[in-house]
C-alpha cells in the first residue's frame, strides 16, 4: 500500500512569518535554527507572550517526540508501509516545527523557555521511546503502532485545546495548518495497525508448583 499523507506546505511558514535571527536553545525538530534575519516593527522586544509561549513550548515538544519515534521506526521496522508512514510523519513534523520556531522568534518569545520542556509535560527524549526501543523484532511494528496512535491522539487533542485558548490569531492559524495532517495521520495509522500480521503468541507460563500435602 502506498501510504498517502498530507504534507505541510510552505504556507505553514508563511503563517509563522519570517524568522528573526539570533542565538537560541530552541531548535526545530531537524536540529536546525531558522536563519533568516529581518527586523520587525509590530512586536516590541521583550513583550510578554503569556499562555501563547507555553502553547508553543508544548507543541514544539510534541513535534520533537513524534520525529524521534518516527526515526526509531525507520531504523527498526521491516514493514514498508510502517516505514513509509514513519518517514512521512517525520517530514511533516519537522516542517511544522521549523514554522513554529520561526513564529516564536518573530513574536520575541523567550527561546530558552520554549526549548526547555516543563516538568508537567509528558516523558520525552529516551523515556518517550524506551518501550519501543526494547521491543523484540517480531513485536516491534505492533508495539510501535500502538504507541504512535496513542501519542498522536493525545497530540491532536493537545493541539485542538491550544487552538481554543491561543490568544494570537497567527498562532491559531499555524495550528490550523497542522491539524488536518495530524488527524489524517492518526486515521492512516489506525487502518495500518488493523492490517498488521498478528504478533507472536505469548510465551507459555511455567507451571505453578502444587503445595506439598500436609504431613
Protein backbone atom coordinates (compact mmCIF):
# COMPACT_ATOMS: atom_id res chain seq x y z
CA UNK A 1 0.00 0.00 0.00
CA UNK A 2 1.27 3.43 -0.86
CA UNK A 3 0.82 5.48 2.27
CA UNK A 4 -0.99 8.70 1.40
CA UNK A 5 -0.24 11.57 3.74
CA UNK A 6 -0.98 15.28 3.84
CA UNK A 7 2.18 17.32 3.57
CA UNK A 8 2.58 20.65 5.37
CA UNK A 9 3.23 23.22 2.65
CA UNK A 10 5.23 26.38 2.55
CA UNK A 11 2.05 28.20 3.56
CA UNK A 12 2.76 26.99 7.09
CA UNK A 13 5.97 29.02 7.19
CA UNK A 14 4.16 31.99 5.71
CA UNK A 15 1.65 31.93 8.56
CA UNK A 16 4.52 31.96 11.04
CA UNK A 17 6.21 34.92 9.35
CA UNK A 18 9.91 35.46 8.70
CA UNK A 19 12.24 34.32 11.45
CA UNK A 20 14.21 36.80 13.48
CA UNK A 21 17.88 35.86 13.68
CA UNK A 22 19.86 35.36 16.85
CA UNK A 23 21.07 32.53 19.04
CA UNK A 24 18.65 30.40 20.99
CA UNK A 25 18.48 26.99 22.56
CA UNK A 26 15.18 26.16 20.90
CA UNK A 27 15.73 24.21 17.71
CA UNK A 28 13.42 22.82 15.10
CA UNK A 29 12.83 19.08 15.14
CA UNK A 30 15.51 18.58 12.49
CA UNK A 31 18.09 20.21 14.77
CA UNK A 32 18.34 23.48 12.82
CA UNK A 33 17.50 27.03 13.71
CA UNK A 34 15.65 29.30 11.28
CA UNK A 35 18.32 31.60 9.90
CA UNK A 36 16.57 34.43 8.02
CA UNK A 37 17.32 37.78 9.64
CA UNK A 38 14.88 40.68 9.38
CA UNK A 39 13.65 43.45 11.62
CA UNK A 40 10.10 43.61 12.86
CA UNK A 41 8.06 46.63 13.82
CA UNK A 42 4.85 45.02 15.02
CA UNK A 43 6.26 43.30 18.11
CA UNK A 44 8.09 45.18 20.82
CA UNK A 45 11.22 43.49 22.22
CA UNK A 46 10.62 41.70 25.49
CA UNK A 47 6.82 41.64 25.14
CA UNK A 48 5.20 39.04 27.41
CA UNK A 49 3.52 36.26 25.41
CA UNK A 50 1.87 34.61 28.38
CA UNK A 51 -0.03 31.43 27.58
CA UNK A 52 0.89 31.50 23.90
CA UNK A 53 4.54 30.87 24.77
CA UNK A 54 3.53 27.83 26.84
CA UNK A 55 1.47 26.58 23.90
CA UNK A 56 4.44 26.93 21.55
CA UNK A 57 6.69 25.08 24.02
CA UNK A 58 4.29 22.14 24.28
CA UNK A 59 3.68 21.93 20.53
CA UNK A 60 7.45 22.09 19.97
CA UNK A 61 7.97 19.15 22.32
CA UNK A 62 5.18 17.18 20.62
CA UNK A 63 6.89 17.69 17.26
CA UNK A 64 10.24 16.54 18.63
CA UNK A 65 8.73 13.44 20.25
CA UNK A 66 6.98 12.47 17.02
CA UNK A 67 10.16 12.86 14.98
CA UNK A 68 12.17 10.79 17.49
CA UNK A 69 9.59 7.99 17.46
CA UNK A 70 9.33 8.02 13.66
CA UNK A 71 13.10 7.92 13.24
CA UNK A 72 13.30 4.91 15.56
CA UNK A 73 10.67 3.15 13.45
CA UNK A 74 12.65 3.92 10.31
CA UNK A 75 15.64 2.15 11.83
CA UNK A 76 13.78 -0.88 13.21
CA UNK A 77 10.77 -1.75 11.05
CA UNK A 78 10.89 -4.20 8.16
CA UNK A 79 7.35 -3.31 7.04
CA UNK A 80 7.34 -0.96 4.04
CA UNK A 81 4.02 0.65 4.99
CA UNK A 82 5.10 1.29 8.58
CA UNK A 83 8.37 2.73 7.34
CA UNK A 84 6.60 4.94 4.80
CA UNK A 85 4.20 6.31 7.39
CA UNK A 86 7.03 6.99 9.82
CA UNK A 87 9.04 8.80 7.14
CA UNK A 88 6.07 10.97 6.12
CA UNK A 89 5.22 11.85 9.70
CA UNK A 90 8.80 12.81 10.50
CA UNK A 91 8.92 15.10 7.46
CA UNK A 92 5.61 16.76 8.37
CA UNK A 93 6.54 17.35 11.99
CA UNK A 94 9.95 18.76 11.04
CA UNK A 95 8.27 21.23 8.69
CA UNK A 96 5.72 22.16 11.35
CA UNK A 97 8.46 22.68 13.92
CA UNK A 98 10.51 24.94 11.66
CA UNK A 99 7.44 27.15 11.19
CA UNK A 100 6.65 27.06 14.91
CA UNK A 101 10.14 28.15 15.96
CA UNK A 102 10.10 30.87 13.29
CA UNK A 103 6.82 32.13 14.72
CA UNK A 104 8.24 32.14 18.27
CA UNK A 105 11.24 34.18 17.15
CA UNK A 106 9.07 36.70 15.31
CA UNK A 107 7.00 37.13 18.46
CA UNK A 108 10.11 37.70 20.57
CA UNK A 109 9.33 34.76 22.81
CA UNK A 110 11.86 33.56 25.35
CA UNK A 111 13.56 30.96 23.18
CA UNK A 112 15.37 29.38 26.13
CA UNK A 113 11.98 28.72 27.77
CA UNK A 114 10.42 27.49 24.51
CA UNK A 115 13.20 24.95 24.09
CA UNK A 116 13.07 23.56 27.63
CA UNK A 117 10.04 21.35 28.41
CA UNK A 118 8.37 21.92 31.74
CA UNK A 119 8.10 19.34 34.48
CA UNK A 120 4.36 18.97 33.83
CA UNK A 121 4.92 17.77 30.26
CA UNK A 122 4.94 14.08 29.24
CA UNK A 123 8.09 11.93 29.22
CA UNK A 124 10.42 12.93 26.42
CA UNK A 125 13.79 12.00 24.96
CA UNK A 126 14.87 8.47 25.75
CA UNK A 127 11.99 7.99 28.18
CA UNK A 128 9.45 8.52 25.40
CA UNK A 129 10.88 5.76 23.19
CA UNK A 130 12.23 3.28 25.75
CA UNK A 131 9.35 0.83 25.41
CA UNK A 132 9.63 0.85 21.61
CA UNK A 133 13.41 0.56 21.60
CA UNK A 134 13.25 -2.53 23.79
CA UNK A 135 10.62 -4.32 21.68
CA UNK A 136 11.68 -7.57 20.01
CA UNK A 137 11.90 -7.54 16.18
CA UNK A 138 8.83 -9.77 15.92
CA UNK A 139 6.76 -7.45 18.11
CA UNK A 140 8.19 -4.10 17.02
CA UNK A 141 5.61 -3.00 14.46
CA UNK A 142 2.64 -3.66 16.73
CA UNK A 143 4.29 -2.03 19.75
CA UNK A 144 5.30 0.95 17.63
CA UNK A 145 1.87 1.43 16.06
CA UNK A 146 0.11 1.22 19.44
CA UNK A 147 2.47 3.83 20.88
CA UNK A 148 2.22 6.03 17.78
CA UNK A 149 -1.58 6.05 17.74
CA UNK A 150 -1.82 6.73 21.47
CA UNK A 151 0.69 9.59 21.29
CA UNK A 152 -0.80 11.17 18.18
CA UNK A 153 -4.35 11.07 19.53
CA UNK A 154 -3.03 12.92 22.57
CA UNK A 155 -1.16 15.45 20.43
CA UNK A 156 -4.26 16.10 18.31
CA UNK A 157 -6.30 16.76 21.46
CA UNK A 158 -3.50 18.98 22.74
CA UNK A 159 -3.40 21.00 19.51
CA UNK A 160 -7.19 21.34 19.47
CA UNK A 161 -7.14 22.65 23.03
CA UNK A 162 -4.27 25.01 22.16
CA UNK A 163 -6.27 26.30 19.20
CA UNK A 164 -9.16 27.20 21.51
CA UNK A 165 -7.09 29.09 24.08
CA UNK A 166 -4.38 30.71 21.92
CA UNK A 167 -4.63 34.50 22.01
CA UNK A 168 -2.71 35.31 18.84
CA UNK A 169 -4.64 34.75 15.57
CA UNK A 170 -1.33 33.94 13.84
CA UNK A 171 -0.70 31.09 16.28
CA UNK A 172 -4.23 29.78 15.78
CA UNK A 173 -3.64 29.92 12.03
CA UNK A 174 -0.41 27.96 12.41
CA UNK A 175 -2.22 25.26 14.37
CA UNK A 176 -4.98 25.20 11.77
CA UNK A 177 -2.36 24.38 9.13
CA UNK A 178 -1.09 21.33 11.01
CA UNK A 179 -4.25 19.79 12.48
CA UNK A 180 -5.65 18.27 9.24
CA UNK A 181 -2.39 16.43 8.63
CA UNK A 182 -2.24 15.19 12.22
CA UNK A 183 -5.81 13.89 12.11
CA UNK A 184 -5.26 12.10 8.80
CA UNK A 185 -2.07 10.52 10.08
CA UNK A 186 -3.96 9.06 13.05
CA UNK A 187 -6.60 7.59 10.71
CA UNK A 188 -3.93 6.11 8.43
CA UNK A 189 -2.07 4.65 11.42
CA UNK A 190 -5.25 3.04 12.77
CA UNK A 191 -6.03 1.47 9.39
CA UNK A 192 -2.46 0.23 9.04
CA UNK A 193 -2.45 -1.26 12.52
CA UNK A 194 -5.51 -3.36 11.63
CA UNK A 195 -3.68 -4.81 8.63
CA UNK A 196 -0.54 -5.83 10.50
CA UNK A 197 0.04 -9.58 10.83
CA UNK A 198 -0.73 -10.97 14.27
CA UNK A 199 2.09 -10.84 16.75
CA UNK A 200 3.82 -13.92 18.16
CA UNK A 201 1.80 -15.92 20.70
CA UNK A 202 2.63 -15.21 24.34
CA UNK A 203 5.25 -17.41 25.92
CA UNK A 204 3.78 -20.32 27.87
CA UNK A 205 3.68 -19.82 31.59
CA UNK A 206 5.77 -22.02 33.77
CA UNK A 207 3.65 -24.47 35.77
CA UNK A 208 2.92 -23.39 39.29
CA UNK A 209 4.20 -25.99 41.76
CA UNK A 210 1.50 -27.53 43.89
CA UNK A 211 1.88 -27.12 47.61
CA UNK A 212 3.09 -30.19 49.42
CA UNK A 213 0.34 -32.12 51.21
CA UNK A 214 0.27 -31.72 54.97
CA UNK A 215 2.12 -34.44 56.89
